[in-house]
């Protein structure tokens, strides 16, 4: 079945690569008019690529965790395409090389929370009024299986994504009666720039077949598999889906994968 979102105006943050790029291409193919935001200048090339293929796109270099930039993106949607029907607050960061639990600095935590949690809040805050003018819409936020339980990401990243899951629940309640649905997608292991180091190391060691072996699908995912789920949530097929955090993870979150980890020597073991 072909899913159409013909004529819908959709704002996507973190659009220059990975899940955001795959979603922008899929949405444009399904007939959406896309506003693409990213701090990477490659976002302009993506907009040009979509337009060259016959779609309609506008691009903005932006920081998804800066309120002025989020306002500018919503304004661009209104001025270029007449309004906003959907928003995919997808931008996120891990915070660079993974520090141990006790080595991560408050400054690193603050930056991760600014982009990963405050950024989606700002998207909801400023996109929702624009959608109300058009009678409703759909807001999607990228969370993670790391936000559902421990073991799938570093502490600050995981905490930020747990916050995102709660954010969509509270937003769905705050927007009750508005016609605006708010949901989160929780990707598992997806091959993106964020996971490039892991994939590169596995391939260099000849262990690519071990990637994603902890989930029942026995593989990692690709960005377009998240884009397909986002397309469903934006479309009218998801008209009664609201306030949910939906895992797209090959089944990883259906259980509790566990592996031994070396103990941190600074943690005293009581006997």
C-alpha atoms as a PDB file:
ATOM      1  CA  UNK A   1       0.000   0.000   0.000  1.00  0.00           C
ATOM      2  CA  UNK A   2       1.301   3.443  -0.919  1.00  0.00           C
ATOM      3  CA  UNK A   3       1.109   5.994   1.873  1.00  0.00           C
ATOM      4  CA  UNK A   4       0.461   9.543   0.684  1.00  0.00           C
ATOM      5  CA  UNK A   5       1.040  12.748   2.600  1.00  0.00           C
ATOM      6  CA  UNK A   6       0.448  14.824  -0.507  1.00  0.00           C
ATOM      7  CA  UNK A   7       0.554  18.557   0.162  1.00  0.00           C
ATOM      8  CA  UNK A   8       1.448  18.288   3.854  1.00  0.00           C
ATOM      9  CA  UNK A   9       4.107  20.723   5.057  1.00  0.00           C
ATOM     10  CA  UNK A  10       6.608  18.939   7.300  1.00  0.00           C
ATOM     11  CA  UNK A  11       9.534  20.341   9.277  1.00  0.00           C
ATOM     12  CA  UNK A  12      12.403  17.896   9.898  1.00  0.00           C
ATOM     13  CA  UNK A  13      15.360  18.694  12.148  1.00  0.00           C
ATOM     14  CA  UNK A  14      18.638  16.805  11.959  1.00  0.00           C
ATOM     15  CA  UNK A  15      17.801  16.402   8.286  1.00  0.00           C
ATOM     16  CA  UNK A  16      21.243  16.418   6.678  1.00  0.00           C
ATOM     17  CA  UNK A  17      22.160  12.793   7.341  1.00  0.00           C
ATOM     18  CA  UNK A  18      21.044   9.461   8.737  1.00  0.00           C
ATOM     19  CA  UNK A  19      17.433   9.122   9.849  1.00  0.00           C
ATOM     20  CA  UNK A  20      16.632  12.748   9.059  1.00  0.00           C
ATOM     21  CA  UNK A  21      17.901  12.519   5.489  1.00  0.00           C
ATOM     22  CA  UNK A  22      16.115   9.215   4.838  1.00  0.00           C
ATOM     23  CA  UNK A  23      12.896  10.676   6.213  1.00  0.00           C
ATOM     24  CA  UNK A  24      13.177  13.835   4.125  1.00  0.00           C
ATOM     25  CA  UNK A  25      13.592  11.787   0.940  1.00  0.00           C
ATOM     26  CA  UNK A  26      10.730   9.440   1.787  1.00  0.00           C
ATOM     27  CA  UNK A  27       8.389  12.275   2.784  1.00  0.00           C
ATOM     28  CA  UNK A  28       9.157  14.214  -0.376  1.00  0.00           C
ATOM     29  CA  UNK A  29       8.500  11.100  -2.461  1.00  0.00           C
ATOM     30  CA  UNK A  30       5.133  10.742  -0.684  1.00  0.00           C
ATOM     31  CA  UNK A  31       4.163  14.272  -1.730  1.00  0.00           C
ATOM     32  CA  UNK A  32       5.132  16.346   1.303  1.00  0.00           C
ATOM     33  CA  UNK A  33       6.593  19.845   1.138  1.00  0.00           C
ATOM     34  CA  UNK A  34       9.607  19.581   3.416  1.00  0.00           C
ATOM     35  CA  UNK A  35      11.433  22.182   5.484  1.00  0.00           C
ATOM     36  CA  UNK A  36      14.854  20.802   6.379  1.00  0.00           C
ATOM     37  CA  UNK A  37      16.899  21.984   9.339  1.00  0.00           C
ATOM     38  CA  UNK A  38      20.403  20.973  10.353  1.00  0.00           C
ATOM     39  CA  UNK A  39      23.588  22.651  11.565  1.00  0.00           C
ATOM     40  CA  UNK A  40      25.430  20.839   8.740  1.00  0.00           C
ATOM     41  CA  UNK A  41      25.494  22.851   5.510  1.00  0.00           C
ATOM     42  CA  UNK A  42      24.797  19.603   3.626  1.00  0.00           C
ATOM     43  CA  UNK A  43      21.128  20.275   4.375  1.00  0.00           C
ATOM     44  CA  UNK A  44      21.053  22.741   1.476  1.00  0.00           C
ATOM     45  CA  UNK A  45      22.362  20.101  -0.918  1.00  0.00           C
ATOM     46  CA  UNK A  46      19.627  17.734   0.236  1.00  0.00           C
ATOM     47  CA  UNK A  47      16.951  20.346  -0.462  1.00  0.00           C
ATOM     48  CA  UNK A  48      18.416  20.873  -3.938  1.00  0.00           C
ATOM     49  CA  UNK A  49      18.415  17.105  -4.522  1.00  0.00           C
ATOM     50  CA  UNK A  50      14.736  16.862  -3.594  1.00  0.00           C
ATOM     51  CA  UNK A  51      13.803  19.769  -5.848  1.00  0.00           C
ATOM     52  CA  UNK A  52      15.817  18.317  -8.737  1.00  0.00           C
ATOM     53  CA  UNK A  53      13.717  15.152  -8.387  1.00  0.00           C
ATOM     54  CA  UNK A  54      10.506  17.184  -8.674  1.00  0.00           C
ATOM     55  CA  UNK A  55       9.759  17.739  -4.995  1.00  0.00           C
ATOM     56  CA  UNK A  56       9.501  20.911  -2.953  1.00  0.00           C
ATOM     57  CA  UNK A  57      11.978  21.674  -0.186  1.00  0.00           C
ATOM     58  CA  UNK A  58      13.431  24.547   1.785  1.00  0.00           C
ATOM     59  CA  UNK A  59      16.586  24.363   3.898  1.00  0.00           C
ATOM     60  CA  UNK A  60      17.852  26.172   6.961  1.00  0.00           C
ATOM     61  CA  UNK A  61      21.137  25.828   8.829  1.00  0.00           C
ATOM     62  CA  UNK A  62      20.038  25.754  12.454  1.00  0.00           C
ATOM     63  CA  UNK A  63      20.761  24.583  15.968  1.00  0.00           C
ATOM     64  CA  UNK A  64      17.775  22.503  17.044  1.00  0.00           C
ATOM     65  CA  UNK A  65      18.428  23.366  20.681  1.00  0.00           C
ATOM     66  CA  UNK A  66      18.368  27.139  20.137  1.00  0.00           C
ATOM     67  CA  UNK A  67      14.923  28.724  20.411  1.00  0.00           C
ATOM     68  CA  UNK A  68      15.588  31.487  17.873  1.00  0.00           C
ATOM     69  CA  UNK A  69      16.580  28.881  15.283  1.00  0.00           C
ATOM     70  CA  UNK A  70      13.486  26.767  15.924  1.00  0.00           C
ATOM     71  CA  UNK A  71      11.298  29.843  15.532  1.00  0.00           C
ATOM     72  CA  UNK A  72      13.109  30.635  12.273  1.00  0.00           C
ATOM     73  CA  UNK A  73      12.407  27.141  10.942  1.00  0.00           C
ATOM     74  CA  UNK A  74       8.680  27.364  11.738  1.00  0.00           C
ATOM     75  CA  UNK A  75       8.589  30.838  10.189  1.00  0.00           C
ATOM     76  CA  UNK A  76      10.254  29.469   7.047  1.00  0.00           C
ATOM     77  CA  UNK A  77       7.546  26.806   6.771  1.00  0.00           C
ATOM     78  CA  UNK A  78       4.830  29.444   7.025  1.00  0.00           C
ATOM     79  CA  UNK A  79       6.443  31.920   4.616  1.00  0.00           C
ATOM     80  CA  UNK A  80       7.528  29.372   2.003  1.00  0.00           C
ATOM     81  CA  UNK A  81       4.647  26.897   2.110  1.00  0.00           C
ATOM     82  CA  UNK A  82       1.821  28.647   3.970  1.00  0.00           C
ATOM     83  CA  UNK A  83       1.885  26.795   7.284  1.00  0.00           C
ATOM     84  CA  UNK A  84       2.856  23.580   9.012  1.00  0.00           C
ATOM     85  CA  UNK A  85       1.121  20.208   9.223  1.00  0.00           C
ATOM     86  CA  UNK A  86       3.775  18.056  10.861  1.00  0.00           C
ATOM     87  CA  UNK A  87       7.110  18.249  12.622  1.00  0.00           C
ATOM     88  CA  UNK A  88       9.760  15.567  13.063  1.00  0.00           C
ATOM     89  CA  UNK A  89      12.069  16.712  15.881  1.00  0.00           C
ATOM     90  CA  UNK A  90      14.837  14.296  15.013  1.00  0.00           C
ATOM     91  CA  UNK A  91      18.094  16.142  15.801  1.00  0.00           C
ATOM     92  CA  UNK A  92      20.203  14.553  18.529  1.00  0.00           C
ATOM     93  CA  UNK A  93      23.740  13.999  19.759  1.00  0.00           C
ATOM     94  CA  UNK A  94      25.542  11.405  21.866  1.00  0.00           C
ATOM     95  CA  UNK A  95      28.084  13.875  23.201  1.00  0.00           C
ATOM     96  CA  UNK A  96      31.170  12.479  21.492  1.00  0.00           C
ATOM     97  CA  UNK A  97      33.386   9.638  22.750  1.00  0.00           C
ATOM     98  CA  UNK A  98      31.647   7.717  25.490  1.00  0.00           C
ATOM     99  CA  UNK A  99      32.833   8.708  28.960  1.00  0.00           C
ATOM    100  CA  UNK A 100      32.266   6.393  31.901  1.00  0.00           C
ATOM    101  CA  UNK A 101      29.376   7.153  34.214  1.00  0.00           C
ATOM    102  CA  UNK A 102      31.547   9.028  36.690  1.00  0.00           C
ATOM    103  CA  UNK A 103      33.753  10.831  34.150  1.00  0.00           C
ATOM    104  CA  UNK A 104      31.047  12.607  32.169  1.00  0.00           C
ATOM    105  CA  UNK A 105      31.048  16.297  33.075  1.00  0.00           C
ATOM    106  CA  UNK A 106      28.037  18.429  34.011  1.00  0.00           C
ATOM    107  CA  UNK A 107      28.817  20.537  30.932  1.00  0.00           C
ATOM    108  CA  UNK A 108      28.581  17.474  28.669  1.00  0.00           C
ATOM    109  CA  UNK A 109      25.285  16.497  30.300  1.00  0.00           C
ATOM    110  CA  UNK A 110      23.912  20.008  29.848  1.00  0.00           C
ATOM    111  CA  UNK A 111      24.745  20.066  26.132  1.00  0.00           C
ATOM    112  CA  UNK A 112      23.207  16.658  25.488  1.00  0.00           C
ATOM    113  CA  UNK A 113      20.035  17.634  27.338  1.00  0.00           C
ATOM    114  CA  UNK A 114      19.917  20.978  25.515  1.00  0.00           C
ATOM    115  CA  UNK A 115      19.899  19.366  22.083  1.00  0.00           C
ATOM    116  CA  UNK A 116      18.145  16.064  22.771  1.00  0.00           C
ATOM    117  CA  UNK A 117      15.436  17.147  25.219  1.00  0.00           C
ATOM    118  CA  UNK A 118      15.056  20.928  25.228  1.00  0.00           C
ATOM    119  CA  UNK A 119      15.277  20.908  21.415  1.00  0.00           C
ATOM    120  CA  UNK A 120      12.195  18.683  21.015  1.00  0.00           C
ATOM    121  CA  UNK A 121      10.367  20.750  23.622  1.00  0.00           C
ATOM    122  CA  UNK A 122      11.081  23.883  21.590  1.00  0.00           C
ATOM    123  CA  UNK A 123       9.880  22.140  18.430  1.00  0.00           C
ATOM    124  CA  UNK A 124       6.612  21.210  20.121  1.00  0.00           C
ATOM    125  CA  UNK A 125       6.229  24.642  21.688  1.00  0.00           C
ATOM    126  CA  UNK A 126       6.559  26.534  18.414  1.00  0.00           C
ATOM    127  CA  UNK A 127       5.217  24.007  15.882  1.00  0.00           C
ATOM    128  CA  UNK A 128       1.979  23.270  17.724  1.00  0.00           C
ATOM    129  CA  UNK A 129       0.436  26.776  17.432  1.00  0.00           C
ATOM    130  CA  UNK A 130       1.201  26.788  13.700  1.00  0.00           C
ATOM    131  CA  UNK A 131      -0.469  23.397  13.299  1.00  0.00           C
ATOM    132  CA  UNK A 132      -3.525  24.532  15.263  1.00  0.00           C
ATOM    133  CA  UNK A 133      -4.108  27.234  12.665  1.00  0.00           C
ATOM    134  CA  UNK A 134      -4.559  24.430  10.133  1.00  0.00           C
ATOM    135  CA  UNK A 135      -6.804  22.329  12.362  1.00  0.00           C
ATOM    136  CA  UNK A 136      -4.269  19.887  13.794  1.00  0.00           C
ATOM    137  CA  UNK A 137      -1.263  17.839  12.815  1.00  0.00           C
ATOM    138  CA  UNK A 138       1.368  15.349  13.883  1.00  0.00           C
ATOM    139  CA  UNK A 139       4.542  15.838  15.899  1.00  0.00           C
ATOM    140  CA  UNK A 140       7.142  13.087  16.050  1.00  0.00           C
ATOM    141  CA  UNK A 141      10.212  13.071  18.262  1.00  0.00           C
ATOM    142  CA  UNK A 142      13.180  10.738  17.963  1.00  0.00           C
ATOM    143  CA  UNK A 143      13.728   8.986  21.277  1.00  0.00           C
ATOM    144  CA  UNK A 144      15.652   5.690  21.540  1.00  0.00           C
ATOM    145  CA  UNK A 145      15.491   2.242  23.070  1.00  0.00           C
ATOM    146  CA  UNK A 146      18.247   3.681  25.284  1.00  0.00           C
ATOM    147  CA  UNK A 147      15.539   5.809  26.890  1.00  0.00           C
ATOM    148  CA  UNK A 148      13.479   2.753  27.796  1.00  0.00           C
ATOM    149  CA  UNK A 149      16.038   0.937  29.941  1.00  0.00           C
ATOM    150  CA  UNK A 150      19.760   0.786  30.660  1.00  0.00           C
ATOM    151  CA  UNK A 151      22.289  -0.976  28.469  1.00  0.00           C
ATOM    152  CA  UNK A 152      21.683   0.643  25.084  1.00  0.00           C
ATOM    153  CA  UNK A 153      23.648   3.884  25.378  1.00  0.00           C
ATOM    154  CA  UNK A 154      25.724   6.173  27.616  1.00  0.00           C
ATOM    155  CA  UNK A 155      24.082   7.631  30.698  1.00  0.00           C
ATOM    156  CA  UNK A 156      23.494  11.232  29.601  1.00  0.00           C
ATOM    157  CA  UNK A 157      22.181  10.183  26.186  1.00  0.00           C
ATOM    158  CA  UNK A 158      19.922   7.552  27.744  1.00  0.00           C
ATOM    159  CA  UNK A 159      18.563   9.999  30.306  1.00  0.00           C
ATOM    160  CA  UNK A 160      17.829  12.562  27.605  1.00  0.00           C
ATOM    161  CA  UNK A 161      15.900  10.011  25.579  1.00  0.00           C
ATOM    162  CA  UNK A 162      13.955   8.863  28.639  1.00  0.00           C
ATOM    163  CA  UNK A 163      12.989  12.502  29.026  1.00  0.00           C
ATOM    164  CA  UNK A 164      11.832  12.589  25.409  1.00  0.00           C
ATOM    165  CA  UNK A 165       9.522   9.637  26.019  1.00  0.00           C
ATOM    166  CA  UNK A 166       7.898  11.463  28.915  1.00  0.00           C
ATOM    167  CA  UNK A 167       7.877  14.697  26.921  1.00  0.00           C
ATOM    168  CA  UNK A 168       5.589  13.258  24.251  1.00  0.00           C
ATOM    169  CA  UNK A 169       3.239  11.918  26.920  1.00  0.00           C
ATOM    170  CA  UNK A 170       2.958  15.267  28.685  1.00  0.00           C
ATOM    171  CA  UNK A 171       2.693  17.089  25.342  1.00  0.00           C
ATOM    172  CA  UNK A 172      -0.151  14.827  24.204  1.00  0.00           C
ATOM    173  CA  UNK A 173      -2.002  15.749  27.384  1.00  0.00           C
ATOM    174  CA  UNK A 174      -1.199  19.459  27.097  1.00  0.00           C
ATOM    175  CA  UNK A 175      -2.523  19.464  23.520  1.00  0.00           C
ATOM    176  CA  UNK A 176      -5.716  17.551  24.303  1.00  0.00           C
ATOM    177  CA  UNK A 177      -8.535  18.637  22.017  1.00  0.00           C
ATOM    178  CA  UNK A 178      -6.226  20.442  19.594  1.00  0.00           C
ATOM    179  CA  UNK A 179      -6.171  17.762  16.913  1.00  0.00           C
ATOM    180  CA  UNK A 180      -2.391  17.510  17.279  1.00  0.00           C
ATOM    181  CA  UNK A 181      -0.907  14.079  17.923  1.00  0.00           C
ATOM    182  CA  UNK A 182       2.520  13.730  19.573  1.00  0.00           C
ATOM    183  CA  UNK A 183       4.497  10.482  19.442  1.00  0.00           C
ATOM    184  CA  UNK A 184       8.066   9.264  19.795  1.00  0.00           C
ATOM    185  CA  UNK A 185       9.993   6.740  17.742  1.00  0.00           C
ATOM    186  CA  UNK A 186      12.536   4.640  19.636  1.00  0.00           C
ATOM    187  CA  UNK A 187      15.140   3.353  17.182  1.00  0.00           C
ATOM    188  CA  UNK A 188      17.404   0.482  18.078  1.00  0.00           C
ATOM    189  CA  UNK A 189      20.834   0.067  16.484  1.00  0.00           C
ATOM    190  CA  UNK A 190      20.660   1.981  13.185  1.00  0.00           C
ATOM    191  CA  UNK A 191      23.602   2.621  10.867  1.00  0.00           C
ATOM    192  CA  UNK A 192      24.078   6.404  10.969  1.00  0.00           C
ATOM    193  CA  UNK A 193      26.900   8.850  11.624  1.00  0.00           C
ATOM    194  CA  UNK A 194      26.156   8.379  15.334  1.00  0.00           C
ATOM    195  CA  UNK A 195      26.953   4.657  15.158  1.00  0.00           C
ATOM    196  CA  UNK A 196      29.662   4.865  12.470  1.00  0.00           C
ATOM    197  CA  UNK A 197      32.480   4.135  14.904  1.00  0.00           C
ATOM    198  CA  UNK A 198      30.837   0.902  16.044  1.00  0.00           C
ATOM    199  CA  UNK A 199      30.155  -0.241  12.483  1.00  0.00           C
ATOM    200  CA  UNK A 200      33.662   0.674  11.323  1.00  0.00           C
ATOM    201  CA  UNK A 201      35.267  -1.242  14.188  1.00  0.00           C
ATOM    202  CA  UNK A 202      33.133  -4.321  13.540  1.00  0.00           C
ATOM    203  CA  UNK A 203      33.936  -4.297   9.838  1.00  0.00           C
ATOM    204  CA  UNK A 204      37.651  -3.778  10.448  1.00  0.00           C
ATOM    205  CA  UNK A 205      37.635  -6.796  12.748  1.00  0.00           C
ATOM    206  CA  UNK A 206      35.667  -8.914  10.277  1.00  0.00           C
ATOM    207  CA  UNK A 207      32.726  -9.048  12.681  1.00  0.00           C
ATOM    208  CA  UNK A 208      30.066  -7.202  10.720  1.00  0.00           C
ATOM    209  CA  UNK A 209      27.793 -10.229  11.031  1.00  0.00           C
ATOM    210  CA  UNK A 210      27.732  -9.672  14.810  1.00  0.00           C
ATOM    211  CA  UNK A 211      26.102  -6.229  14.523  1.00  0.00           C
ATOM    212  CA  UNK A 212      22.604  -6.315  15.952  1.00  0.00           C
ATOM    213  CA  UNK A 213      22.857  -9.957  17.031  1.00  0.00           C
ATOM    214  CA  UNK A 214      21.129  -9.214  20.331  1.00  0.00           C
ATOM    215  CA  UNK A 215      17.771  -8.533  18.712  1.00  0.00           C
ATOM    216  CA  UNK A 216      15.485 -11.194  17.233  1.00  0.00           C
ATOM    217  CA  UNK A 217      16.006  -9.854  13.699  1.00  0.00           C
ATOM    218  CA  UNK A 218      19.738 -10.580  14.122  1.00  0.00           C
ATOM    219  CA  UNK A 219      20.819  -7.395  12.342  1.00  0.00           C
ATOM    220  CA  UNK A 220      21.128  -3.658  12.686  1.00  0.00           C
ATOM    221  CA  UNK A 221      18.638  -1.355  11.027  1.00  0.00           C
ATOM    222  CA  UNK A 222      18.912   1.235   8.276  1.00  0.00           C
ATOM    223  CA  UNK A 223      17.640   4.834   8.414  1.00  0.00           C
ATOM    224  CA  UNK A 224      14.837   4.230   5.920  1.00  0.00           C
ATOM    225  CA  UNK A 225      13.246   1.715   8.288  1.00  0.00           C
ATOM    226  CA  UNK A 226      12.778   4.545  10.793  1.00  0.00           C
ATOM    227  CA  UNK A 227      11.611   6.856   8.001  1.00  0.00           C
ATOM    228  CA  UNK A 228       8.843   4.400   7.124  1.00  0.00           C
ATOM    229  CA  UNK A 229       7.598   4.448  10.717  1.00  0.00           C
ATOM    230  CA  UNK A 230       7.714   8.257  10.703  1.00  0.00           C
ATOM    231  CA  UNK A 231       5.697   8.293   7.474  1.00  0.00           C
ATOM    232  CA  UNK A 232       3.016   6.187   9.149  1.00  0.00           C
ATOM    233  CA  UNK A 233       2.840   8.554  12.141  1.00  0.00           C
ATOM    234  CA  UNK A 234       2.515  11.637   9.928  1.00  0.00           C
ATOM    235  CA  UNK A 235      -0.133  10.044   7.743  1.00  0.00           C
ATOM    236  CA  UNK A 236      -3.841   9.683   8.409  1.00  0.00           C
ATOM    237  CA  UNK A 237      -3.262   5.955   8.965  1.00  0.00           C
ATOM    238  CA  UNK A 238      -2.079   6.921  12.474  1.00  0.00           C
ATOM    239  CA  UNK A 239      -5.074   9.152  13.200  1.00  0.00           C
ATOM    240  CA  UNK A 240      -5.722   7.476  16.590  1.00  0.00           C
ATOM    241  CA  UNK A 241      -2.081   7.050  17.683  1.00  0.00           C
ATOM    242  CA  UNK A 242      -1.136   9.635  20.292  1.00  0.00           C
ATOM    243  CA  UNK A 243       1.204   9.952  23.275  1.00  0.00           C
ATOM    244  CA  UNK A 244       3.117   6.778  22.424  1.00  0.00           C
ATOM    245  CA  UNK A 245       6.781   5.751  22.343  1.00  0.00           C
ATOM    246  CA  UNK A 246       7.080   3.203  19.550  1.00  0.00           C
ATOM    247  CA  UNK A 247      10.200   0.999  19.366  1.00  0.00           C
ATOM    248  CA  UNK A 248      11.587   0.336  15.887  1.00  0.00           C
ATOM    249  CA  UNK A 249      14.414  -1.912  16.971  1.00  0.00           C
ATOM    250  CA  UNK A 250      14.172  -5.374  15.445  1.00  0.00           C
ATOM    251  CA  UNK A 251      12.657  -6.620  18.697  1.00  0.00           C
ATOM    252  CA  UNK A 252      15.554  -5.609  20.948  1.00  0.00           C
ATOM    253  CA  UNK A 253      13.297  -4.045  23.589  1.00  0.00           C
ATOM    254  CA  UNK A 254      11.100  -7.148  23.810  1.00  0.00           C
ATOM    255  CA  UNK A 255      13.659  -8.596  26.212  1.00  0.00           C
ATOM    256  CA  UNK A 256      16.589  -7.483  28.364  1.00  0.00           C
ATOM    257  CA  UNK A 257      19.845  -8.286  26.532  1.00  0.00           C
ATOM    258  CA  UNK A 258      22.667  -8.472  29.003  1.00  0.00           C
ATOM    259  CA  UNK A 259      26.443  -8.715  28.810  1.00  0.00           C
ATOM    260  CA  UNK A 260      29.111  -8.624  31.499  1.00  0.00           C
ATOM    261  CA  UNK A 261      30.732  -5.248  31.954  1.00  0.00           C
ATOM    262  CA  UNK A 262      33.947  -4.554  33.828  1.00  0.00           C
ATOM    263  CA  UNK A 263      33.312  -3.045  37.236  1.00  0.00           C
ATOM    264  CA  UNK A 264      34.264   0.588  37.803  1.00  0.00           C
ATOM    265  CA  UNK A 265      37.081   0.453  40.373  1.00  0.00           C
ATOM    266  CA  UNK A 266      35.693   3.550  42.103  1.00  0.00           C
ATOM    267  CA  UNK A 267      32.509   1.758  43.074  1.00  0.00           C
ATOM    268  CA  UNK A 268      32.829  -0.077  46.380  1.00  0.00           C
ATOM    269  CA  UNK A 269      31.270  -3.546  46.463  1.00  0.00           C
ATOM    270  CA  UNK A 270      29.554  -4.302  49.748  1.00  0.00           C
ATOM    271  CA  UNK A 271      29.998  -7.840  50.938  1.00  0.00           C
END
